[in-house]
PDB file of N, CA and C in Angstrom:
ATOM      1  N   MET A   1     103.376  97.137 -47.575  1.00  0.00           N
ATOM      2  CA  MET A   1     103.571  98.604 -47.078  1.00  0.00           C
ATOM      3  C   MET A   1     105.062  99.374 -47.859  1.00  0.00           C
ATOM      4  N   SER A   2     105.005 100.299 -48.237  1.00  0.00           N
ATOM      5  CA  SER A   2     106.264 100.974 -48.353  1.00  0.00           C
ATOM      6  C   SER A   2     107.269 100.867 -47.351  1.00  0.00           C
ATOM      7  N   ASP A   3     108.378 100.707 -47.520  1.00  0.00           N
ATOM      8  CA  ASP A   3     109.841 100.501 -46.546  1.00  0.00           C
ATOM      9  C   ASP A   3     109.607 101.988 -45.520  1.00  0.00           C
ATOM     10  N   ASN A   4     109.398 103.186 -46.396  1.00  0.00           N
ATOM     11  CA  ASN A   4     109.371 104.510 -45.767  1.00  0.00           C
ATOM     12  C   ASN A   4     108.261 104.310 -44.630  1.00  0.00           C
ATOM     13  N   LEU A   5     107.102 104.096 -45.079  1.00  0.00           N
ATOM     14  CA  LEU A   5     106.211 104.058 -43.862  1.00  0.00           C
ATOM     15  C   LEU A   5     106.308 102.906 -42.701  1.00  0.00           C
ATOM     16  N   GLN A   6     106.820 102.011 -42.848  1.00  0.00           N
ATOM     17  CA  GLN A   6     107.337 100.992 -42.330  1.00  0.00           C
ATOM     18  C   GLN A   6     108.214 101.597 -41.326  1.00  0.00           C
ATOM     19  N   GLN A   7     109.330 102.225 -41.538  1.00  0.00           N
ATOM     20  CA  GLN A   7     110.053 102.718 -40.717  1.00  0.00           C
ATOM     21  C   GLN A   7     109.632 104.200 -40.139  1.00  0.00           C
ATOM     22  N   ALA A   8     108.973 104.574 -40.544  1.00  0.00           N
ATOM     23  CA  ALA A   8     108.043 106.033 -40.016  1.00  0.00           C
ATOM     24  C   ALA A   8     107.401 105.237 -38.650  1.00  0.00           C
ATOM     25  N   ILE A   9     106.605 103.946 -38.851  1.00  0.00           N
ATOM     26  CA  ILE A   9     105.878 103.474 -37.844  1.00  0.00           C
ATOM     27  C   ILE A   9     107.111 103.238 -36.799  1.00  0.00           C
ATOM     28  N   GLN A  10     107.895 102.339 -37.177  1.00  0.00           N
ATOM     29  CA  GLN A  10     108.780 101.941 -36.343  1.00  0.00           C
ATOM     30  C   GLN A  10     109.444 102.863 -35.484  1.00  0.00           C
ATOM     31  N   ARG A  11     109.853 104.111 -35.992  1.00  0.00           N
ATOM     32  CA  ARG A  11     110.252 105.299 -35.216  1.00  0.00           C
ATOM     33  C   ARG A  11     109.387 105.718 -34.480  1.00  0.00           C
ATOM     34  N   GLN A  12     107.734 105.837 -34.418  1.00  0.00           N
ATOM     35  CA  GLN A  12     106.874 106.401 -33.634  1.00  0.00           C
ATOM     36  C   GLN A  12     106.722 105.344 -32.457  1.00  0.00           C
ATOM     37  N   VAL A  13     106.888 104.059 -32.512  1.00  0.00           N
ATOM     38  CA  VAL A  13     106.848 103.164 -31.755  1.00  0.00           C
ATOM     39  C   VAL A  13     107.858 103.283 -30.528  1.00  0.00           C
ATOM     40  N   LEU A  14     109.069 103.641 -30.874  1.00  0.00           N
ATOM     41  CA  LEU A  14     110.174 103.557 -30.184  1.00  0.00           C
ATOM     42  C   LEU A  14     110.230 104.874 -29.068  1.00  0.00           C
ATOM     43  N   VAL A  15     109.391 105.570 -29.061  1.00  0.00           N
ATOM     44  CA  VAL A  15     109.197 106.749 -28.191  1.00  0.00           C
ATOM     45  C   VAL A  15     107.838 106.518 -27.353  1.00  0.00           C
ATOM     46  N   LEU A  16     106.977 105.381 -27.530  1.00  0.00           N
ATOM     47  CA  LEU A  16     106.012 105.240 -26.919  1.00  0.00           C
ATOM     48  C   LEU A  16     106.255 104.683 -25.281  1.00  0.00           C
ATOM     49  N   SER A  17     105.319 104.825 -24.295  1.00  0.00           N
ATOM     50  CA  SER A  17     105.510 104.270 -22.993  1.00  0.00           C
ATOM     51  C   SER A  17     105.009 102.438 -23.167  1.00  0.00           C
ATOM     52  N   GLU A  18     105.262 102.040 -22.194  1.00  0.00           N
ATOM     53  CA  GLU A  18     104.962 100.615 -22.292  1.00  0.00           C
ATOM     54  C   GLU A  18     103.349 100.305 -22.329  1.00  0.00           C
ATOM     55  N   ASP A  19     102.677 101.063 -21.848  1.00  0.00           N
ATOM     56  CA  ASP A  19     101.317 101.052 -21.964  1.00  0.00           C
ATOM     57  C   ASP A  19     100.788 101.478 -23.345  1.00  0.00           C
ATOM     58  N   GLU A  20     101.483 102.349 -23.804  1.00  0.00           N
ATOM     59  CA  GLU A  20     100.883 103.085 -25.287  1.00  0.00           C
ATOM     60  C   GLU A  20     101.189 101.797 -26.253  1.00  0.00           C
ATOM     61  N   LYS A  21     102.511 100.949 -25.887  1.00  0.00           N
ATOM     62  CA  LYS A  21     103.211  99.942 -26.974  1.00  0.00           C
ATOM     63  C   LYS A  21     102.104  98.991 -26.877  1.00  0.00           C
ATOM     64  N   ARG A  22     101.374  98.594 -25.647  1.00  0.00           N
ATOM     65  CA  ARG A  22     100.143  97.476 -25.386  1.00  0.00           C
ATOM     66  C   ARG A  22      99.227  97.833 -26.518  1.00  0.00           C
ATOM     67  N   ARG A  23      98.793  99.206 -26.178  1.00  0.00           N
ATOM     68  CA  ARG A  23      97.609  99.702 -26.726  1.00  0.00           C
ATOM     69  C   ARG A  23      97.729  99.393 -28.708  1.00  0.00           C
ATOM     70  N   VAL A  24      98.702  99.768 -28.924  1.00  0.00           N
ATOM     71  CA  VAL A  24      98.926  99.758 -30.338  1.00  0.00           C
ATOM     72  C   VAL A  24      99.052  98.354 -30.775  1.00  0.00           C
ATOM     73  N   TYR A  25      99.680  97.322 -29.784  1.00  0.00           N
ATOM     74  CA  TYR A  25      99.895  95.974 -30.022  1.00  0.00           C
ATOM     75  C   TYR A  25      98.315  95.419 -30.048  1.00  0.00           C
ATOM     76  N   ASP A  26      97.365  95.620 -29.381  1.00  0.00           N
ATOM     77  CA  ASP A  26      96.237  95.261 -29.253  1.00  0.00           C
ATOM     78  C   ASP A  26      95.350  95.857 -30.442  1.00  0.00           C
ATOM     79  N   PHE A  27      95.681  96.955 -30.838  1.00  0.00           N
ATOM     80  CA  PHE A  27      95.033  97.635 -31.932  1.00  0.00           C
ATOM     81  C   PHE A  27      95.290  96.841 -33.318  1.00  0.00           C
ATOM     82  N   MET A  28      96.626  96.410 -33.565  1.00  0.00           N
ATOM     83  CA  MET A  28      97.118  95.704 -34.397  1.00  0.00           C
ATOM     84  C   MET A  28      96.409  94.381 -34.315  1.00  0.00           C
ATOM     85  N   GLN A  29      96.200  93.608 -33.346  1.00  0.00           N
ATOM     86  CA  GLN A  29      95.965  92.292 -33.217  1.00  0.00           C
ATOM     87  C   GLN A  29      94.190  92.481 -33.501  1.00  0.00           C
ATOM     88  N   ASN A  30      93.451  93.350 -33.160  1.00  0.00           N
ATOM     89  CA  ASN A  30      92.108  93.874 -33.641  1.00  0.00           C
ATOM     90  C   ASN A  30      92.056  93.861 -35.095  1.00  0.00           C
ATOM     91  N   LEU A  31      93.083  94.522 -35.909  1.00  0.00           N
ATOM     92  CA  LEU A  31      92.928  94.737 -37.101  1.00  0.00           C
ATOM     93  C   LEU A  31      93.136  93.443 -37.926  1.00  0.00           C
ATOM     94  N   GLN A  32      94.291  92.486 -37.372  1.00  0.00           N
ATOM     95  CA  GLN A  32      94.238  91.202 -38.055  1.00  0.00           C
ATOM     96  C   GLN A  32      93.113  90.310 -37.512  1.00  0.00           C
ATOM     97  N   THR A  33      92.508  90.375 -36.776  1.00  0.00           N
ATOM     98  CA  THR A  33      91.477  89.401 -36.461  1.00  0.00           C
ATOM     99  C   THR A  33      90.335  89.771 -37.300  1.00  0.00           C
ATOM    100  N   GLU A  34      90.085  91.017 -37.488  1.00  0.00           N
ATOM    101  CA  GLU A  34      88.942  91.527 -38.402  1.00  0.00           C
ATOM    102  C   GLU A  34      89.146  91.124 -39.956  1.00  0.00           C
ATOM    103  N   LYS A  35      90.438  90.986 -40.557  1.00  0.00           N
ATOM    104  CA  LYS A  35      90.973  91.008 -41.636  1.00  0.00           C
ATOM    105  C   LYS A  35      90.773  89.295 -41.883  1.00  0.00           C
ATOM    106  N   LYS A  36      91.045  88.683 -40.906  1.00  0.00           N
ATOM    107  CA  LYS A  36      90.986  87.105 -40.925  1.00  0.00           C
ATOM    108  C   LYS A  36      89.272  86.748 -41.165  1.00  0.00           C
ATOM    109  N   ASN A  37      88.678  87.474 -40.111  1.00  0.00           N
ATOM    110  CA  ASN A  37      87.082  86.910 -40.471  1.00  0.00           C
ATOM    111  C   ASN A  37      86.352  87.601 -41.244  1.00  0.00           C
ATOM    112  N   GLY A  38      86.941  88.660 -42.076  1.00  0.00           N
ATOM    113  CA  GLY A  38      86.223  89.255 -43.246  1.00  0.00           C
ATOM    114  C   GLY A  38      85.331  90.208 -42.895  1.00  0.00           C
ATOM    115  N   HIS A  39      85.466  90.851 -41.439  1.00  0.00           N
ATOM    116  CA  HIS A  39      84.300  91.766 -41.083  1.00  0.00           C
ATOM    117  C   HIS A  39      84.520  92.415 -39.638  1.00  0.00           C
ATOM    118  N   ALA A  40      84.159  93.446 -39.492  1.00  0.00           N
ATOM    119  CA  ALA A  40      84.647  94.128 -38.210  1.00  0.00           C
ATOM    120  C   ALA A  40      83.666  93.676 -36.852  1.00  0.00           C
ATOM    121  N   LYS A  41      83.816  94.256 -35.668  1.00  0.00           N
ATOM    122  CA  LYS A  41      83.017  93.626 -34.660  1.00  0.00           C
ATOM    123  C   LYS A  41      81.644  93.846 -34.827  1.00  0.00           C
ATOM    124  N   PRO A  42      80.643  93.128 -34.456  1.00  0.00           N
ATOM    125  CA  PRO A  42      79.590  93.459 -34.254  1.00  0.00           C
ATOM    126  C   PRO A  42      79.222  94.606 -33.537  1.00  0.00           C
ATOM    127  N   ILE A  43      78.089  95.302 -33.960  1.00  0.00           N
ATOM    128  CA  ILE A  43      77.792  96.575 -33.426  1.00  0.00           C
ATOM    129  C   ILE A  43      77.572  96.379 -31.701  1.00  0.00           C
ATOM    130  N   SER A  44      76.973  95.209 -31.176  1.00  0.00           N
ATOM    131  CA  SER A  44      76.418  94.830 -29.961  1.00  0.00           C
ATOM    132  C   SER A  44      78.064  94.535 -29.178  1.00  0.00           C
ATOM    133  N   ALA A  45      78.910  94.421 -29.519  1.00  0.00           N
ATOM    134  CA  ALA A  45      80.553  94.409 -29.078  1.00  0.00           C
ATOM    135  C   ALA A  45      80.958  95.617 -28.636  1.00  0.00           C
ATOM    136  N   ILE A  46      80.735  96.508 -29.804  1.00  0.00           N
ATOM    137  CA  ILE A  46      81.234  97.900 -29.433  1.00  0.00           C
ATOM    138  C   ILE A  46      80.667  98.553 -28.128  1.00  0.00           C
ATOM    139  N   PHE A  47      79.106  98.357 -28.572  1.00  0.00           N
ATOM    140  CA  PHE A  47      78.278  99.000 -27.317  1.00  0.00           C
ATOM    141  C   PHE A  47      78.737  98.186 -26.221  1.00  0.00           C
ATOM    142  N   GLU A  48      79.100  97.169 -26.027  1.00  0.00           N
ATOM    143  CA  GLU A  48      79.241  96.555 -24.773  1.00  0.00           C
ATOM    144  C   GLU A  48      80.605  96.997 -24.153  1.00  0.00           C
ATOM    145  N   ASN A  49      81.685  97.005 -25.156  1.00  0.00           N
ATOM    146  CA  ASN A  49      82.912  97.679 -24.597  1.00  0.00           C
ATOM    147  C   ASN A  49      82.774  99.366 -24.213  1.00  0.00           C
ATOM    148  N   LEU A  50      81.996  99.952 -25.035  1.00  0.00           N
ATOM    149  CA  LEU A  50      81.992 101.350 -24.302  1.00  0.00           C
ATOM    150  C   LEU A  50      81.140 101.195 -22.930  1.00  0.00           C
ATOM    151  N   SER A  51      79.876 100.721 -23.092  1.00  0.00           N
ATOM    152  CA  SER A  51      79.539 100.458 -21.512  1.00  0.00           C
ATOM    153  C   SER A  51      79.929 100.063 -20.635  1.00  0.00           C
ATOM    154  N   ASP A  52      81.175  99.351 -20.433  1.00  0.00           N
ATOM    155  CA  ASP A  52      81.848  98.801 -19.607  1.00  0.00           C
ATOM    156  C   ASP A  52      82.535 100.103 -19.031  1.00  0.00           C
ATOM    157  N   GLU A  53      82.879 101.223 -19.772  1.00  0.00           N
ATOM    158  CA  GLU A  53      83.512 102.401 -19.633  1.00  0.00           C
ATOM    159  C   GLU A  53      82.900 103.649 -18.995  1.00  0.00           C
ATOM    160  N   ILE A  54      81.337 103.482 -19.082  1.00  0.00           N
ATOM    161  CA  ILE A  54      80.635 104.512 -18.141  1.00  0.00           C
ATOM    162  C   ILE A  54      80.425 104.069 -17.069  1.00  0.00           C
ATOM    163  N   SER A  55      80.439 104.663 -15.909  1.00  0.00           N
ATOM    164  CA  SER A  55      79.891 104.657 -14.839  1.00  0.00           C
ATOM    165  C   SER A  55      78.624 104.618 -14.663  1.00  0.00           C
ATOM    166  N   LEU A  56      78.128 103.811 -13.403  1.00  0.00           N
ATOM    167  CA  LEU A  56      76.177 104.338 -13.378  1.00  0.00           C
ATOM    168  C   LEU A  56      75.782 105.335 -13.270  1.00  0.00           C
ATOM    169  N   ASP A  57      76.652 106.481 -12.650  1.00  0.00           N
ATOM    170  CA  ASP A  57      76.084 107.566 -12.469  1.00  0.00           C
ATOM    171  C   ASP A  57      76.016 108.454 -13.713  1.00  0.00           C
ATOM    172  N   GLU A  58      76.918 108.224 -14.567  1.00  0.00           N
ATOM    173  CA  GLU A  58      76.700 108.641 -16.331  1.00  0.00           C
ATOM    174  C   GLU A  58      75.562 108.050 -16.841  1.00  0.00           C
ATOM    175  N   TRP A  59      75.387 106.885 -16.596  1.00  0.00           N
ATOM    176  CA  TRP A  59      74.167 106.037 -17.222  1.00  0.00           C
ATOM    177  C   TRP A  59      72.813 106.980 -16.774  1.00  0.00           C
ATOM    178  N   LYS A  60      72.824 106.748 -15.366  1.00  0.00           N
ATOM    179  CA  LYS A  60      71.619 107.619 -14.866  1.00  0.00           C
ATOM    180  C   LYS A  60      71.425 108.972 -15.536  1.00  0.00           C
ATOM    181  N   GLU A  61      72.396 109.736 -15.978  1.00  0.00           N
ATOM    182  CA  GLU A  61      71.892 111.030 -16.508  1.00  0.00           C
ATOM    183  C   GLU A  61      71.421 110.966 -18.102  1.00  0.00           C
ATOM    184  N   LEU A  62      71.473 109.968 -18.578  1.00  0.00           N
ATOM    185  CA  LEU A  62      71.143 109.769 -19.976  1.00  0.00           C
ATOM    186  C   LEU A  62      69.926 109.800 -20.287  1.00  0.00           C
ATOM    187  N   PRO A  63      69.365 110.422 -21.166  1.00  0.00           N
ATOM    188  CA  PRO A  63      67.725 110.521 -21.295  1.00  0.00           C
ATOM    189  C   PRO A  63      67.199 109.416 -21.582  1.00  0.00           C
ATOM    190  N   SER A  64      65.991 109.171 -20.670  1.00  0.00           N
ATOM    191  CA  SER A  64      65.115 108.089 -21.135  1.00  0.00           C
ATOM    192  C   SER A  64      64.265 108.153 -22.417  1.00  0.00           C
ATOM    193  N   ASP A  65      64.063 109.010 -22.903  1.00  0.00           N
ATOM    194  CA  ASP A  65      63.173 109.508 -24.011  1.00  0.00           C
ATOM    195  C   ASP A  65      64.156 109.811 -25.236  1.00  0.00           C
ATOM    196  N   GLY A  66      65.627 109.158 -25.077  1.00  0.00           N
ATOM    197  CA  GLY A  66      66.324 109.506 -26.344  1.00  0.00           C
ATOM    198  C   GLY A  66      65.923 108.867 -27.963  1.00  0.00           C
ATOM    199  N   ALA A  67      65.311 107.944 -27.889  1.00  0.00           N
ATOM    200  CA  ALA A  67      64.901 107.443 -29.276  1.00  0.00           C
ATOM    201  C   ALA A  67      63.460 108.099 -29.779  1.00  0.00           C
ATOM    202  N   GLU A  68      62.465 108.656 -28.747  1.00  0.00           N
ATOM    203  CA  GLU A  68      61.424 109.115 -29.226  1.00  0.00           C
ATOM    204  C   GLU A  68      61.757 110.497 -29.402  1.00  0.00           C
ATOM    205  N   ASN A  69      62.465 111.228 -28.838  1.00  0.00           N
ATOM    206  CA  ASN A  69      63.076 112.559 -28.786  1.00  0.00           C
ATOM    207  C   ASN A  69      64.260 112.943 -29.389  1.00  0.00           C
ATOM    208  N   HIS A  70      64.626 111.974 -30.315  1.00  0.00           N
ATOM    209  CA  HIS A  70      66.303 111.977 -30.648  1.00  0.00           C
ATOM    210  C   HIS A  70      66.226 113.722 -31.285  1.00  0.00           C
ATOM    211  N   ASP A  71      65.133 113.957 -32.288  1.00  0.00           N
ATOM    212  CA  ASP A  71      65.479 115.137 -32.853  1.00  0.00           C
ATOM    213  C   ASP A  71      65.588 116.574 -32.003  1.00  0.00           C
ATOM    214  N   HIS A  72      65.150 116.345 -30.681  1.00  0.00           N
ATOM    215  CA  HIS A  72      65.540 117.210 -29.690  1.00  0.00           C
ATOM    216  C   HIS A  72      66.787 117.306 -29.179  1.00  0.00           C
ATOM    217  N   TYR A  73      67.598 116.397 -28.880  1.00  0.00           N
ATOM    218  CA  TYR A  73      68.665 116.086 -28.220  1.00  0.00           C
ATOM    219  C   TYR A  73      69.539 116.493 -29.360  1.00  0.00           C
ATOM    220  N   LEU A  74      69.443 116.060 -30.923  1.00  0.00           N
ATOM    221  CA  LEU A  74      70.459 116.112 -31.618  1.00  0.00           C
ATOM    222  C   LEU A  74      70.561 117.396 -32.236  1.00  0.00           C
ATOM    223  N   TYR A  75      69.343 118.123 -32.539  1.00  0.00           N
ATOM    224  CA  TYR A  75      69.019 119.486 -33.364  1.00  0.00           C
ATOM    225  C   TYR A  75      68.072 120.622 -32.246  1.00  0.00           C
ATOM    226  N   GLY A  76      67.831 120.221 -31.196  1.00  0.00           N
ATOM    227  CA  GLY A  76      67.167 121.308 -30.585  1.00  0.00           C
ATOM    228  C   GLY A  76      65.817 121.546 -30.745  1.00  0.00           C
ATOM    229  N   SER A  77      65.204 120.658 -31.523  1.00  0.00           N
ATOM    230  CA  SER A  77      63.618 120.527 -31.899  1.00  0.00           C
ATOM    231  C   SER A  77      62.667 120.601 -30.696  1.00  0.00           C
ATOM    232  N   PRO A  78      61.527 121.085 -30.549  1.00  0.00           N
ATOM    233  CA  PRO A  78      60.602 120.795 -29.332  1.00  0.00           C
ATOM    234  C   PRO A  78      60.600 119.562 -28.935  1.00  0.00           C
ATOM    235  N   ARG A  79      60.491 119.132 -28.052  1.00  0.00           N
ATOM    236  CA  ARG A  79      60.305 117.448 -27.411  1.00  0.00           C
ATOM    237  C   ARG A  79      58.743 117.305 -27.792  1.00  0.00           C
ATOM    238  N   LYS A  80      58.674 115.917 -28.092  1.00  0.00           N
ATOM    239  CA  LYS A  80      57.258 115.465 -28.288  1.00  0.00           C
ATOM    240  C   LYS A  80      56.501 115.228 -27.005  1.00  0.00           C
ATOM    241  N   PRO A  81      55.408 115.545 -27.280  1.00  0.00           N
ATOM    242  CA  PRO A  81      54.705 115.176 -25.751  1.00  0.00           C
ATOM    243  C   PRO A  81      54.278 113.657 -25.154  1.00  0.00           C
ATOM    244  N   GLU A  82      54.374 113.642 -24.186  1.00  0.00           N
ATOM    245  CA  GLU A  82      54.210 112.497 -23.993  1.00  0.00           C
ATOM    246  C   GLU A  82      53.081 111.746 -23.715  1.00  0.00           C
TER     247      GLU A  82
END
């Protein structure tokens, strides 16, 4: 890493709140773990983390036919008959 980039990062970190510094630290730890393991997180871990952040009420609003009618939800095509 160039000295200029490292100094720029250090300056940015100085103005962060403690919570933001913790998030940066956690992010850096994840990067190091991924580098050490030679791969990124499995998709199942990503979905598990996301699912923890979504309330049950929000889950209930998601369509149950999303796989079958993905073109409808993505592009507005007509829904497939049931």
